Amino acid sequence: MKKIITVIFLLFICALLQSQPIIEFETLEYDFGRIKEEEGPHQIDFNFSNTGDESFRLLNVKAG
């Protein structure tokens, strides 16, 4: 009986490990080149998508 419970537990753990969020970015870096201060602030958006099986949560995001 212990062997059956152990096998079921291990299968359950393997299933949990396989389903995870996977984040994919369109681009990983951007070169702003030369920016003149009088032109004002510049901005770039980094687009990404979750291609995994689970929800992806962004927590504690800080500008670099």
N, C-alpha and C. Protein backbone atom coordinates (compact mmCIF):
# COMPACT_ATOMS: atom_id res chain seq x y z
N MET A 1 0.82 -1.20 0.00
CA MET A 1 0.00 0.00 0.00
C MET A 1 0.87 1.27 0.00
N LYS A 2 1.98 1.22 0.75
CA LYS A 2 2.87 2.38 0.79
C LYS A 2 3.46 2.66 -0.57
N LYS A 3 3.77 1.63 -1.34
CA LYS A 3 4.35 1.81 -2.66
C LYS A 3 3.37 2.50 -3.60
N ILE A 4 2.11 2.14 -3.52
CA ILE A 4 1.09 2.74 -4.39
C ILE A 4 0.93 4.23 -4.06
N ILE A 5 0.88 4.54 -2.77
CA ILE A 5 0.74 5.94 -2.36
C ILE A 5 1.97 6.74 -2.78
N THR A 6 3.15 6.15 -2.65
CA THR A 6 4.38 6.82 -3.06
C THR A 6 4.40 7.08 -4.55
N VAL A 7 3.98 6.12 -5.36
CA VAL A 7 3.94 6.29 -6.82
C VAL A 7 2.94 7.37 -7.21
N ILE A 8 1.78 7.37 -6.59
CA ILE A 8 0.76 8.38 -6.88
C ILE A 8 1.29 9.77 -6.50
N PHE A 9 1.94 9.87 -5.36
CA PHE A 9 2.50 11.14 -4.92
C PHE A 9 3.57 11.64 -5.90
N LEU A 10 4.45 10.77 -6.33
CA LEU A 10 5.50 11.16 -7.28
C LEU A 10 4.92 11.58 -8.62
N LEU A 11 3.88 10.90 -9.10
CA LEU A 11 3.23 11.30 -10.35
C LEU A 11 2.58 12.67 -10.21
N PHE A 12 1.98 12.93 -9.07
CA PHE A 12 1.36 14.22 -8.81
C PHE A 12 2.40 15.33 -8.82
N ILE A 13 3.54 15.11 -8.18
CA ILE A 13 4.62 16.10 -8.14
C ILE A 13 5.16 16.35 -9.55
N CYS A 14 5.33 15.30 -10.33
CA CYS A 14 5.83 15.46 -11.71
C CYS A 14 4.86 16.29 -12.55
N ALA A 15 3.57 16.06 -12.37
CA ALA A 15 2.57 16.82 -13.11
C ALA A 15 2.62 18.30 -12.73
N LEU A 16 2.82 18.59 -11.45
CA LEU A 16 2.92 19.99 -11.01
C LEU A 16 4.16 20.68 -11.56
N LEU A 17 5.25 19.96 -11.65
CA LEU A 17 6.48 20.56 -12.14
C LEU A 17 6.43 20.84 -13.64
N GLN A 18 5.65 20.10 -14.38
CA GLN A 18 5.59 20.29 -15.82
C GLN A 18 4.72 21.47 -16.22
N SER A 19 3.70 21.78 -15.45
CA SER A 19 2.84 22.92 -15.78
C SER A 19 3.35 24.15 -15.07
N GLN A 20 3.91 25.07 -15.85
CA GLN A 20 4.47 26.29 -15.30
C GLN A 20 4.38 27.41 -16.32
N PRO A 21 4.42 28.66 -15.85
CA PRO A 21 4.40 29.77 -16.79
C PRO A 21 5.74 29.90 -17.51
N ILE A 22 5.69 30.29 -18.77
CA ILE A 22 6.90 30.53 -19.57
C ILE A 22 6.73 31.90 -20.21
N ILE A 23 7.62 32.82 -19.89
CA ILE A 23 7.52 34.17 -20.44
C ILE A 23 8.47 34.30 -21.63
N GLU A 24 7.95 34.88 -22.72
CA GLU A 24 8.76 35.10 -23.92
C GLU A 24 8.64 36.56 -24.34
N PHE A 25 9.79 37.22 -24.49
CA PHE A 25 9.83 38.62 -24.90
C PHE A 25 10.07 38.71 -26.40
N GLU A 26 9.48 39.75 -27.04
CA GLU A 26 9.75 40.00 -28.45
C GLU A 26 11.19 40.46 -28.63
N THR A 27 11.65 41.38 -27.77
CA THR A 27 13.04 41.84 -27.76
C THR A 27 13.51 41.93 -26.31
N LEU A 28 14.80 41.71 -26.10
CA LEU A 28 15.34 41.75 -24.74
C LEU A 28 16.09 43.04 -24.43
N GLU A 29 16.47 43.79 -25.46
CA GLU A 29 17.18 45.04 -25.22
C GLU A 29 16.84 46.05 -26.31
N TYR A 30 17.12 47.31 -26.02
CA TYR A 30 16.84 48.38 -26.97
C TYR A 30 17.93 49.43 -26.84
N ASP A 31 18.47 49.88 -27.95
CA ASP A 31 19.52 50.91 -27.96
C ASP A 31 18.86 52.26 -28.24
N PHE A 32 18.85 53.14 -27.26
CA PHE A 32 18.27 54.46 -27.44
C PHE A 32 19.15 55.37 -28.27
N GLY A 33 20.40 55.02 -28.43
CA GLY A 33 21.31 55.88 -29.18
C GLY A 33 21.60 57.15 -28.40
N ARG A 34 21.82 58.23 -29.11
CA ARG A 34 22.07 59.52 -28.46
C ARG A 34 20.74 60.25 -28.27
N ILE A 35 20.51 60.69 -27.04
CA ILE A 35 19.26 61.39 -26.72
C ILE A 35 19.61 62.78 -26.21
N LYS A 36 18.95 63.79 -26.77
CA LYS A 36 19.13 65.16 -26.30
C LYS A 36 18.13 65.41 -25.18
N GLU A 37 18.63 65.99 -24.09
CA GLU A 37 17.80 66.22 -22.92
C GLU A 37 16.60 67.13 -23.24
N GLU A 38 16.80 68.11 -24.13
CA GLU A 38 15.72 69.04 -24.45
C GLU A 38 14.58 68.40 -25.25
N GLU A 39 14.81 67.20 -25.80
CA GLU A 39 13.74 66.49 -26.53
C GLU A 39 12.74 65.83 -25.59
N GLY A 40 13.05 65.82 -24.32
CA GLY A 40 12.13 65.24 -23.33
C GLY A 40 12.38 63.75 -23.11
N PRO A 41 11.55 63.16 -22.28
CA PRO A 41 11.74 61.74 -21.95
C PRO A 41 11.43 60.83 -23.14
N HIS A 42 12.11 59.70 -23.18
CA HIS A 42 11.87 58.69 -24.20
C HIS A 42 11.36 57.42 -23.54
N GLN A 43 10.67 56.61 -24.30
CA GLN A 43 10.04 55.42 -23.73
C GLN A 43 10.09 54.27 -24.72
N ILE A 44 10.20 53.06 -24.20
CA ILE A 44 10.13 51.85 -25.02
C ILE A 44 9.27 50.84 -24.28
N ASP A 45 8.45 50.12 -25.01
CA ASP A 45 7.63 49.05 -24.43
C ASP A 45 8.25 47.71 -24.78
N PHE A 46 8.39 46.86 -23.79
CA PHE A 46 8.86 45.49 -24.02
C PHE A 46 7.64 44.58 -23.99
N ASN A 47 7.26 44.08 -25.15
CA ASN A 47 6.10 43.20 -25.24
C ASN A 47 6.51 41.77 -24.93
N PHE A 48 5.65 41.09 -24.17
CA PHE A 48 5.92 39.70 -23.82
C PHE A 48 4.62 38.92 -23.79
N SER A 49 4.72 37.62 -23.82
CA SER A 49 3.54 36.77 -23.73
C SER A 49 3.87 35.53 -22.90
N ASN A 50 2.85 34.96 -22.30
CA ASN A 50 2.98 33.75 -21.51
C ASN A 50 2.63 32.57 -22.41
N THR A 51 3.60 31.75 -22.71
CA THR A 51 3.36 30.58 -23.56
C THR A 51 3.26 29.30 -22.74
N GLY A 52 3.23 29.42 -21.42
CA GLY A 52 3.16 28.25 -20.55
C GLY A 52 1.73 27.84 -20.25
N ASP A 53 1.61 26.88 -19.36
CA ASP A 53 0.31 26.31 -19.00
C ASP A 53 -0.35 27.01 -17.81
N GLU A 54 0.40 27.75 -17.04
CA GLU A 54 -0.11 28.38 -15.83
C GLU A 54 -0.12 29.89 -15.97
N SER A 55 -0.83 30.56 -15.06
CA SER A 55 -0.86 32.02 -15.03
C SER A 55 0.49 32.56 -14.62
N PHE A 56 0.83 33.72 -15.14
CA PHE A 56 2.10 34.36 -14.84
C PHE A 56 1.81 35.64 -14.07
N ARG A 57 2.43 35.81 -12.91
CA ARG A 57 2.19 37.00 -12.10
C ARG A 57 3.49 37.79 -11.97
N LEU A 58 3.42 39.08 -12.25
CA LEU A 58 4.55 39.98 -12.06
C LEU A 58 4.40 40.64 -10.70
N LEU A 59 5.34 40.40 -9.82
CA LEU A 59 5.30 40.95 -8.48
C LEU A 59 6.55 41.77 -8.22
N ASN A 60 6.39 42.88 -7.52
CA ASN A 60 7.52 43.69 -7.06
C ASN A 60 8.39 44.18 -8.24
N VAL A 61 7.76 44.79 -9.23
CA VAL A 61 8.46 45.30 -10.40
C VAL A 61 9.08 46.65 -10.06
N LYS A 62 10.37 46.81 -10.43
CA LYS A 62 11.09 48.06 -10.17
C LYS A 62 11.84 48.47 -11.43
N ALA A 63 11.89 49.78 -11.66
CA ALA A 63 12.65 50.30 -12.80
C ALA A 63 14.13 50.13 -12.52
N GLY A 64 14.91 49.87 -13.60
CA GLY A 64 16.34 49.62 -13.42
C GLY A 64 17.20 50.81 -13.64
